[in-house]
Amino acid sequence: MKSVAEKELIDLVVGWVKENGLKGRSHTEISESTNLLESGLLDSFAFVDLILFIENHTQEKLDLIDVAPEEFTVVKSLCHLALRNGH
């Protein structure tokens, strides 16, 4: 079962993507299992902005050095990593 913090962060990320994602993709459904890059919702620049948003929210630096790309491009996995890094 997801912690309240993880659910809250997932909701924040989904909301951020809906507000800041690539224009013309608003019809794309976004959920915790959405791959943000493969779906075309975010380009690499927007993805960096999202990482900064998450880091500001969690007050933790996201360390993606040793993480496979599929682990941090999906909403739920990205949020899980963000919260794991801080604990």
PDB file of N, CA and C in Angstrom:
ATOM      1  N   MET A   1       0.829  -1.181   0.000  1.00  0.00           N
ATOM      2  CA  MET A   1       0.000   0.000   0.000  1.00  0.00           C
ATOM      3  C   MET A   1       0.880   1.254   0.000  1.00  0.00           C
ATOM      4  N   LYS A   2       0.521   2.213  -0.834  1.00  0.00           N
ATOM      5  CA  LYS A   2       1.284   3.442  -0.944  1.00  0.00           C
ATOM      6  C   LYS A   2       1.103   4.299   0.298  1.00  0.00           C
ATOM      7  N   SER A   3       2.192   4.948   0.685  1.00  0.00           N
ATOM      8  CA  SER A   3       2.088   5.889   1.793  1.00  0.00           C
ATOM      9  C   SER A   3       1.339   7.134   1.323  1.00  0.00           C
ATOM     10  N   VAL A   4       0.843   7.909   2.267  1.00  0.00           N
ATOM     11  CA  VAL A   4       0.135   9.142   1.935  1.00  0.00           C
ATOM     12  C   VAL A   4       1.062  10.069   1.160  1.00  0.00           C
ATOM     13  N   ALA A   5       2.319  10.140   1.592  1.00  0.00           N
ATOM     14  CA  ALA A   5       3.276  11.025   0.934  1.00  0.00           C
ATOM     15  C   ALA A   5       3.478  10.633  -0.532  1.00  0.00           C
ATOM     16  N   GLU A   6       3.575   9.336  -0.811  1.00  0.00           N
ATOM     17  CA  GLU A   6       3.775   8.897  -2.190  1.00  0.00           C
ATOM     18  C   GLU A   6       2.547   9.207  -3.042  1.00  0.00           C
ATOM     19  N   LYS A   7       1.365   8.954  -2.505  1.00  0.00           N
ATOM     20  CA  LYS A   7       0.126   9.256  -3.234  1.00  0.00           C
ATOM     21  C   LYS A   7       0.022  10.754  -3.507  1.00  0.00           C
ATOM     22  N   GLU A   8       0.352  11.551  -2.500  1.00  0.00           N
ATOM     23  CA  GLU A   8       0.316  13.008  -2.652  1.00  0.00           C
ATOM     24  C   GLU A   8       1.306  13.468  -3.733  1.00  0.00           C
ATOM     25  N   LEU A   9       2.509  12.898  -3.712  1.00  0.00           N
ATOM     26  CA  LEU A   9       3.515  13.281  -4.697  1.00  0.00           C
ATOM     27  C   LEU A   9       3.089  12.859  -6.103  1.00  0.00           C
ATOM     28  N   ILE A  10       2.507  11.674  -6.240  1.00  0.00           N
ATOM     29  CA  ILE A  10       2.003  11.220  -7.539  1.00  0.00           C
ATOM     30  C   ILE A  10       0.957  12.204  -8.059  1.00  0.00           C
ATOM     31  N   ASP A  11       0.037  12.603  -7.185  1.00  0.00           N
ATOM     32  CA  ASP A  11      -1.006  13.558  -7.587  1.00  0.00           C
ATOM     33  C   ASP A  11      -0.394  14.891  -8.001  1.00  0.00           C
ATOM     34  N   LEU A  12       0.617  15.346  -7.269  1.00  0.00           N
ATOM     35  CA  LEU A  12       1.292  16.598  -7.608  1.00  0.00           C
ATOM     36  C   LEU A  12       1.983  16.509  -8.966  1.00  0.00           C
ATOM     37  N   VAL A  13       2.664  15.378  -9.210  1.00  0.00           N
ATOM     38  CA  VAL A  13       3.368  15.196 -10.482  1.00  0.00           C
ATOM     39  C   VAL A  13       2.378  15.144 -11.639  1.00  0.00           C
ATOM     40  N   VAL A  14       1.298  14.403 -11.483  1.00  0.00           N
ATOM     41  CA  VAL A  14       0.273  14.324 -12.535  1.00  0.00           C
ATOM     42  C   VAL A  14      -0.285  15.715 -12.819  1.00  0.00           C
ATOM     43  N   GLY A  15      -0.561  16.465 -11.768  1.00  0.00           N
ATOM     44  CA  GLY A  15      -1.053  17.831 -11.949  1.00  0.00           C
ATOM     45  C   GLY A  15      -0.047  18.722 -12.649  1.00  0.00           C
ATOM     46  N   TRP A  16       1.221  18.585 -12.273  1.00  0.00           N
ATOM     47  CA  TRP A  16       2.275  19.387 -12.897  1.00  0.00           C
ATOM     48  C   TRP A  16       2.371  19.076 -14.388  1.00  0.00           C
ATOM     49  N   VAL A  17       2.333  17.796 -14.722  1.00  0.00           N
ATOM     50  CA  VAL A  17       2.431  17.390 -16.131  1.00  0.00           C
ATOM     51  C   VAL A  17       1.237  17.916 -16.921  1.00  0.00           C
ATOM     52  N   LYS A  18       0.045  17.864 -16.330  1.00  0.00           N
ATOM     53  CA  LYS A  18      -1.141  18.392 -17.016  1.00  0.00           C
ATOM     54  C   LYS A  18      -0.991  19.887 -17.291  1.00  0.00           C
ATOM     55  N   GLU A  19      -0.373  20.614 -16.359  1.00  0.00           N
ATOM     56  CA  GLU A  19      -0.183  22.052 -16.511  1.00  0.00           C
ATOM     57  C   GLU A  19       0.981  22.401 -17.439  1.00  0.00           C
ATOM     58  N   ASN A  20       2.052  21.610 -17.377  1.00  0.00           N
ATOM     59  CA  ASN A  20       3.311  21.977 -18.026  1.00  0.00           C
ATOM     60  C   ASN A  20       3.739  21.064 -19.163  1.00  0.00           C
ATOM     61  N   GLY A  21       2.962  20.015 -19.419  1.00  0.00           N
ATOM     62  CA  GLY A  21       3.320  19.079 -20.480  1.00  0.00           C
ATOM     63  C   GLY A  21       3.231  19.724 -21.853  1.00  0.00           C
ATOM     64  N   LEU A  22       3.710  19.012 -22.841  1.00  0.00           N
ATOM     65  CA  LEU A  22       3.743  19.543 -24.202  1.00  0.00           C
ATOM     66  C   LEU A  22       2.341  19.832 -24.710  1.00  0.00           C
ATOM     67  N   LYS A  23       2.207  20.970 -25.295  1.00  0.00           N
ATOM     68  CA  LYS A  23       0.906  21.386 -25.840  1.00  0.00           C
ATOM     69  C   LYS A  23       0.488  20.416 -26.952  1.00  0.00           C
ATOM     70  N   GLY A  24      -0.793  20.243 -27.104  1.00  0.00           N
ATOM     71  CA  GLY A  24      -1.299  19.329 -28.117  1.00  0.00           C
ATOM     72  C   GLY A  24      -1.400  17.898 -27.634  1.00  0.00           C
ATOM     73  N   ARG A  25      -0.963  17.663 -26.410  1.00  0.00           N
ATOM     74  CA  ARG A  25      -1.028  16.316 -25.839  1.00  0.00           C
ATOM     75  C   ARG A  25      -2.040  16.238 -24.705  1.00  0.00           C
ATOM     76  N   SER A  26      -2.861  17.255 -24.577  1.00  0.00           N
ATOM     77  CA  SER A  26      -3.784  17.313 -23.445  1.00  0.00           C
ATOM     78  C   SER A  26      -4.793  16.163 -23.458  1.00  0.00           C
ATOM     79  N   HIS A  27      -4.980  15.538 -24.623  1.00  0.00           N
ATOM     80  CA  HIS A  27      -5.907  14.409 -24.706  1.00  0.00           C
ATOM     81  C   HIS A  27      -5.313  13.132 -24.118  1.00  0.00           C
ATOM     82  N   THR A  28      -4.000  13.109 -23.925  1.00  0.00           N
ATOM     83  CA  THR A  28      -3.327  11.929 -23.407  1.00  0.00           C
ATOM     84  C   THR A  28      -3.684  11.737 -21.935  1.00  0.00           C
ATOM     85  N   GLU A  29      -4.111  10.541 -21.602  1.00  0.00           N
ATOM     86  CA  GLU A  29      -4.452  10.218 -20.220  1.00  0.00           C
ATOM     87  C   GLU A  29      -3.172  10.101 -19.402  1.00  0.00           C
ATOM     88  N   ILE A  30      -3.181  10.663 -18.214  1.00  0.00           N
ATOM     89  CA  ILE A  30      -2.003  10.609 -17.345  1.00  0.00           C
ATOM     90  C   ILE A  30      -2.393   9.884 -16.071  1.00  0.00           C
ATOM     91  N   SER A  31      -1.594   8.881 -15.703  1.00  0.00           N
ATOM     92  CA  SER A  31      -1.815   8.157 -14.459  1.00  0.00           C
ATOM     93  C   SER A  31      -0.458   7.840 -13.845  1.00  0.00           C
ATOM     94  N   GLU A  32      -0.471   7.131 -12.739  1.00  0.00           N
ATOM     95  CA  GLU A  32       0.795   6.790 -12.081  1.00  0.00           C
ATOM     96  C   GLU A  32       1.645   5.843 -12.930  1.00  0.00           C
ATOM     97  N   SER A  33       1.045   5.190 -13.918  1.00  0.00           N
ATOM     98  CA  SER A  33       1.806   4.258 -14.761  1.00  0.00           C
ATOM     99  C   SER A  33       2.202   4.862 -16.112  1.00  0.00           C
ATOM    100  N   THR A  34       1.966   6.157 -16.307  1.00  0.00           N
ATOM    101  CA  THR A  34       2.313   6.817 -17.564  1.00  0.00           C
ATOM    102  C   THR A  34       3.819   7.012 -17.673  1.00  0.00           C
ATOM    103  N   ASN A  35       4.380   6.613 -18.824  1.00  0.00           N
ATOM    104  CA  ASN A  35       5.785   6.896 -19.118  1.00  0.00           C
ATOM    105  C   ASN A  35       5.821   8.287 -19.735  1.00  0.00           C
ATOM    106  N   LEU A  36       6.393   9.230 -19.027  1.00  0.00           N
ATOM    107  CA  LEU A  36       6.318  10.635 -19.404  1.00  0.00           C
ATOM    108  C   LEU A  36       7.073  10.965 -20.688  1.00  0.00           C
ATOM    109  N   LEU A  37       8.138  10.254 -20.968  1.00  0.00           N
ATOM    110  CA  LEU A  37       8.899  10.530 -22.186  1.00  0.00           C
ATOM    111  C   LEU A  37       8.328   9.767 -23.379  1.00  0.00           C
ATOM    112  N   GLU A  38       8.051   8.472 -23.207  1.00  0.00           N
ATOM    113  CA  GLU A  38       7.517   7.676 -24.317  1.00  0.00           C
ATOM    114  C   GLU A  38       6.145   8.165 -24.770  1.00  0.00           C
ATOM    115  N   SER A  39       5.358   8.695 -23.841  1.00  0.00           N
ATOM    116  CA  SER A  39       4.026   9.188 -24.184  1.00  0.00           C
ATOM    117  C   SER A  39       4.085  10.495 -24.964  1.00  0.00           C
ATOM    118  N   GLY A  40       5.247  11.153 -24.931  1.00  0.00           N
ATOM    119  CA  GLY A  40       5.386  12.438 -25.600  1.00  0.00           C
ATOM    120  C   GLY A  40       4.872  13.602 -24.773  1.00  0.00           C
ATOM    121  N   LEU A  41       4.499  13.347 -23.522  1.00  0.00           N
ATOM    122  CA  LEU A  41       3.990  14.418 -22.668  1.00  0.00           C
ATOM    123  C   LEU A  41       5.079  15.406 -22.276  1.00  0.00           C
ATOM    124  N   LEU A  42       6.294  14.913 -22.103  1.00  0.00           N
ATOM    125  CA  LEU A  42       7.408  15.771 -21.730  1.00  0.00           C
ATOM    126  C   LEU A  42       8.574  15.559 -22.687  1.00  0.00           C
ATOM    127  N   ASP A  43       9.247  16.640 -23.039  1.00  0.00           N
ATOM    128  CA  ASP A  43      10.523  16.494 -23.729  1.00  0.00           C
ATOM    129  C   ASP A  43      11.618  16.551 -22.663  1.00  0.00           C
ATOM    130  N   SER A  44      12.863  16.468 -23.065  1.00  0.00           N
ATOM    131  CA  SER A  44      13.942  16.394 -22.076  1.00  0.00           C
ATOM    132  C   SER A  44      14.030  17.666 -21.234  1.00  0.00           C
ATOM    133  N   PHE A  45      13.728  18.821 -21.818  1.00  0.00           N
ATOM    134  CA  PHE A  45      13.781  20.067 -21.057  1.00  0.00           C
ATOM    135  C   PHE A  45      12.680  20.108 -19.999  1.00  0.00           C
ATOM    136  N   ALA A  46      11.474  19.717 -20.375  1.00  0.00           N
ATOM    137  CA  ALA A  46      10.357  19.700 -19.433  1.00  0.00           C
ATOM    138  C   ALA A  46      10.599  18.649 -18.352  1.00  0.00           C
ATOM    139  N   PHE A  47      11.258  17.550 -18.713  1.00  0.00           N
ATOM    140  CA  PHE A  47      11.547  16.509 -17.735  1.00  0.00           C
ATOM    141  C   PHE A  47      12.485  17.044 -16.660  1.00  0.00           C
ATOM    142  N   VAL A  48      13.482  17.825 -17.066  1.00  0.00           N
ATOM    143  CA  VAL A  48      14.399  18.446 -16.098  1.00  0.00           C
ATOM    144  C   VAL A  48      13.620  19.390 -15.182  1.00  0.00           C
ATOM    145  N   ASP A  49      12.699  20.158 -15.749  1.00  0.00           N
ATOM    146  CA  ASP A  49      11.863  21.045 -14.933  1.00  0.00           C
ATOM    147  C   ASP A  49      11.049  20.245 -13.920  1.00  0.00           C
ATOM    148  N   LEU A  50      10.538  19.091 -14.340  1.00  0.00           N
ATOM    149  CA  LEU A  50       9.770  18.238 -13.431  1.00  0.00           C
ATOM    150  C   LEU A  50      10.656  17.729 -12.292  1.00  0.00           C
ATOM    151  N   ILE A  51      11.874  17.315 -12.614  1.00  0.00           N
ATOM    152  CA  ILE A  51      12.809  16.848 -11.576  1.00  0.00           C
ATOM    153  C   ILE A  51      13.049  17.966 -10.557  1.00  0.00           C
ATOM    154  N   LEU A  52      13.253  19.189 -11.050  1.00  0.00           N
ATOM    155  CA  LEU A  52      13.461  20.331 -10.149  1.00  0.00           C
ATOM    156  C   LEU A  52      12.225  20.578  -9.285  1.00  0.00           C
ATOM    157  N   PHE A  53      11.040  20.450  -9.882  1.00  0.00           N
ATOM    158  CA  PHE A  53       9.787  20.598  -9.132  1.00  0.00           C
ATOM    159  C   PHE A  53       9.720  19.571  -8.006  1.00  0.00           C
ATOM    160  N   ILE A  54      10.031  18.321  -8.312  1.00  0.00           N
ATOM    161  CA  ILE A  54       9.989  17.252  -7.303  1.00  0.00           C
ATOM    162  C   ILE A  54      11.021  17.512  -6.210  1.00  0.00           C
ATOM    163  N   GLU A  55      12.233  17.909  -6.611  1.00  0.00           N
ATOM    164  CA  GLU A  55      13.272  18.181  -5.625  1.00  0.00           C
ATOM    165  C   GLU A  55      12.868  19.334  -4.701  1.00  0.00           C
ATOM    166  N   ASN A  56      12.262  20.361  -5.264  1.00  0.00           N
ATOM    167  CA  ASN A  56      11.803  21.480  -4.445  1.00  0.00           C
ATOM    168  C   ASN A  56      10.705  21.042  -3.484  1.00  0.00           C
ATOM    169  N   HIS A  57       9.810  20.191  -3.950  1.00  0.00           N
ATOM    170  CA  HIS A  57       8.700  19.727  -3.104  1.00  0.00           C
ATOM    171  C   HIS A  57       9.190  18.824  -1.974  1.00  0.00           C
ATOM    172  N   THR A  58      10.096  17.920  -2.292  1.00  0.00           N
ATOM    173  CA  THR A  58      10.562  16.947  -1.295  1.00  0.00           C
ATOM    174  C   THR A  58      11.739  17.456  -0.483  1.00  0.00           C
ATOM    175  N   GLN A  59      12.355  18.558  -0.933  1.00  0.00           N
ATOM    176  CA  GLN A  59      13.567  19.092  -0.290  1.00  0.00           C
ATOM    177  C   GLN A  59      14.706  18.076  -0.311  1.00  0.00           C
ATOM    178  N   GLU A  60      14.698  17.222  -1.328  1.00  0.00           N
ATOM    179  CA  GLU A  60      15.743  16.206  -1.482  1.00  0.00           C
ATOM    180  C   GLU A  60      16.258  16.222  -2.911  1.00  0.00           C
ATOM    181  N   LYS A  61      17.553  15.945  -3.084  1.00  0.00           N
ATOM    182  CA  LYS A  61      18.153  15.848  -4.408  1.00  0.00           C
ATOM    183  C   LYS A  61      17.859  14.464  -4.957  1.00  0.00           C
ATOM    184  N   LEU A  62      17.363  14.410  -6.187  1.00  0.00           N
ATOM    185  CA  LEU A  62      17.104  13.123  -6.834  1.00  0.00           C
ATOM    186  C   LEU A  62      18.393  12.626  -7.469  1.00  0.00           C
ATOM    187  N   ASP A  63      18.863  11.479  -7.059  1.00  0.00           N
ATOM    188  CA  ASP A  63      20.079  10.891  -7.619  1.00  0.00           C
ATOM    189  C   ASP A  63      19.677   9.826  -8.632  1.00  0.00           C
ATOM    190  N   LEU A  64      19.840  10.161  -9.915  1.00  0.00           N
ATOM    191  CA  LEU A  64      19.422   9.256 -10.983  1.00  0.00           C
ATOM    192  C   LEU A  64      20.605   8.577 -11.672  1.00  0.00           C
ATOM    193  N   ILE A  65      21.791   8.710 -11.102  1.00  0.00           N
ATOM    194  CA  ILE A  65      23.012   8.196 -11.740  1.00  0.00           C
ATOM    195  C   ILE A  65      22.945   6.696 -12.001  1.00  0.00           C
ATOM    196  N   ASP A  66      22.605   5.916 -11.014  1.00  0.00           N
ATOM    197  CA  ASP A  66      22.621   4.453 -11.133  1.00  0.00           C
ATOM    198  C   ASP A  66      21.236   3.855 -11.351  1.00  0.00           C
ATOM    199  N   VAL A  67      20.326   4.650 -11.904  1.00  0.00           N
ATOM    200  CA  VAL A  67      18.945   4.203 -12.082  1.00  0.00           C
ATOM    201  C   VAL A  67      18.664   4.025 -13.576  1.00  0.00           C
ATOM    202  N   ALA A  68      18.045   2.908 -13.925  1.00  0.00           N
ATOM    203  CA  ALA A  68      17.678   2.660 -15.323  1.00  0.00           C
ATOM    204  C   ALA A  68      16.607   3.660 -15.756  1.00  0.00           C
ATOM    205  N   PRO A  69      16.666   4.140 -17.004  1.00  0.00           N
ATOM    206  CA  PRO A  69      15.700   5.149 -17.465  1.00  0.00           C
ATOM    207  C   PRO A  69      14.245   4.755 -17.255  1.00  0.00           C
ATOM    208  N   GLU A  70      13.898   3.494 -17.443  1.00  0.00           N
ATOM    209  CA  GLU A  70      12.499   3.100 -17.273  1.00  0.00           C
ATOM    210  C   GLU A  70      12.048   3.235 -15.822  1.00  0.00           C
ATOM    211  N   GLU A  71      12.997   3.327 -14.889  1.00  0.00           N
ATOM    212  CA  GLU A  71      12.647   3.483 -13.483  1.00  0.00           C
ATOM    213  C   GLU A  71      12.275   4.919 -13.127  1.00  0.00           C
ATOM    214  N   PHE A  72      12.730   5.898 -13.894  1.00  0.00           N
ATOM    215  CA  PHE A  72      12.421   7.278 -13.517  1.00  0.00           C
ATOM    216  C   PHE A  72      11.600   8.035 -14.549  1.00  0.00           C
ATOM    217  N   THR A  73      11.195   7.382 -15.617  1.00  0.00           N
ATOM    218  CA  THR A  73      10.351   8.067 -16.594  1.00  0.00           C
ATOM    219  C   THR A  73       8.868   7.757 -16.392  1.00  0.00           C
ATOM    220  N   VAL A  74       8.569   6.800 -15.522  1.00  0.00           N
ATOM    221  CA  VAL A  74       7.184   6.468 -15.188  1.00  0.00           C
ATOM    222  C   VAL A  74       6.828   7.204 -13.894  1.00  0.00           C
ATOM    223  N   VAL A  75       5.662   7.826 -13.852  1.00  0.00           N
ATOM    224  CA  VAL A  75       5.254   8.690 -12.737  1.00  0.00           C
ATOM    225  C   VAL A  75       5.456   8.011 -11.384  1.00  0.00           C
ATOM    226  N   LYS A  76       4.884   6.826 -11.199  1.00  0.00           N
ATOM    227  CA  LYS A  76       4.942   6.146  -9.896  1.00  0.00           C
ATOM    228  C   LYS A  76       6.380   5.834  -9.489  1.00  0.00           C
ATOM    229  N   SER A  77       7.183   5.325 -10.416  1.00  0.00           N
ATOM    230  CA  SER A  77       8.569   4.978 -10.109  1.00  0.00           C
ATOM    231  C   SER A  77       9.387   6.208  -9.758  1.00  0.00           C
ATOM    232  N   LEU A  78       9.165   7.292 -10.490  1.00  0.00           N
ATOM    233  CA  LEU A  78       9.866   8.544 -10.230  1.00  0.00           C
ATOM    234  C   LEU A  78       9.552   9.049  -8.821  1.00  0.00           C
ATOM    235  N   CYS A  79       8.289   9.016  -8.456  1.00  0.00           N
ATOM    236  CA  CYS A  79       7.879   9.465  -7.121  1.00  0.00           C
ATOM    237  C   CYS A  79       8.452   8.565  -6.048  1.00  0.00           C
ATOM    238  N   HIS A  80       8.462   7.267  -6.297  1.00  0.00           N
ATOM    239  CA  HIS A  80       9.032   6.323  -5.337  1.00  0.00           C
ATOM    240  C   HIS A  80      10.514   6.611  -5.133  1.00  0.00           C
ATOM    241  N   LEU A  81      11.245   6.835  -6.230  1.00  0.00           N
ATOM    242  CA  LEU A  81      12.673   7.169  -6.125  1.00  0.00           C
ATOM    243  C   LEU A  81      12.889   8.454  -5.341  1.00  0.00           C
ATOM    244  N   ALA A  82      12.067   9.447  -5.604  1.00  0.00           N
ATOM    245  CA  ALA A  82      12.214  10.748  -4.925  1.00  0.00           C
ATOM    246  C   ALA A  82      12.059  10.587  -3.418  1.00  0.00           C
ATOM    247  N   LEU A  83      11.114   9.778  -3.008  1.00  0.00           N
ATOM    248  CA  LEU A  83      10.870   9.593  -1.577  1.00  0.00           C
ATOM    249  C   LEU A  83      11.898   8.648  -0.959  1.00  0.00           C
ATOM    250  N   ARG A  84      12.367   7.685  -1.716  1.00  0.00           N
ATOM    251  CA  ARG A  84      13.385   6.746  -1.203  1.00  0.00           C
ATOM    252  C   ARG A  84      14.697   7.461  -0.954  1.00  0.00           C
ATOM    253  N   ASN A  85      15.057   8.382  -1.848  1.00  0.00           N
ATOM    254  CA  ASN A  85      16.320   9.100  -1.697  1.00  0.00           C
ATOM    255  C   ASN A  85      16.378   9.886  -0.403  1.00  0.00           C
ATOM    256  N   GLY A  86      15.229  10.323   0.051  1.00  0.00           N
ATOM    257  CA  GLY A  86      15.201  11.146   1.253  1.00  0.00           C
ATOM    258  C   GLY A  86      15.179  10.355   2.551  1.00  0.00           C
ATOM    259  N   HIS A  87      15.076   9.028   2.454  1.00  0.00           N
ATOM    260  CA  HIS A  87      14.950   8.238   3.677  1.00  0.00           C
ATOM    261  C   HIS A  87      16.073   7.266   3.839  1.00  0.00           C
TER     262      HIS A  87
END
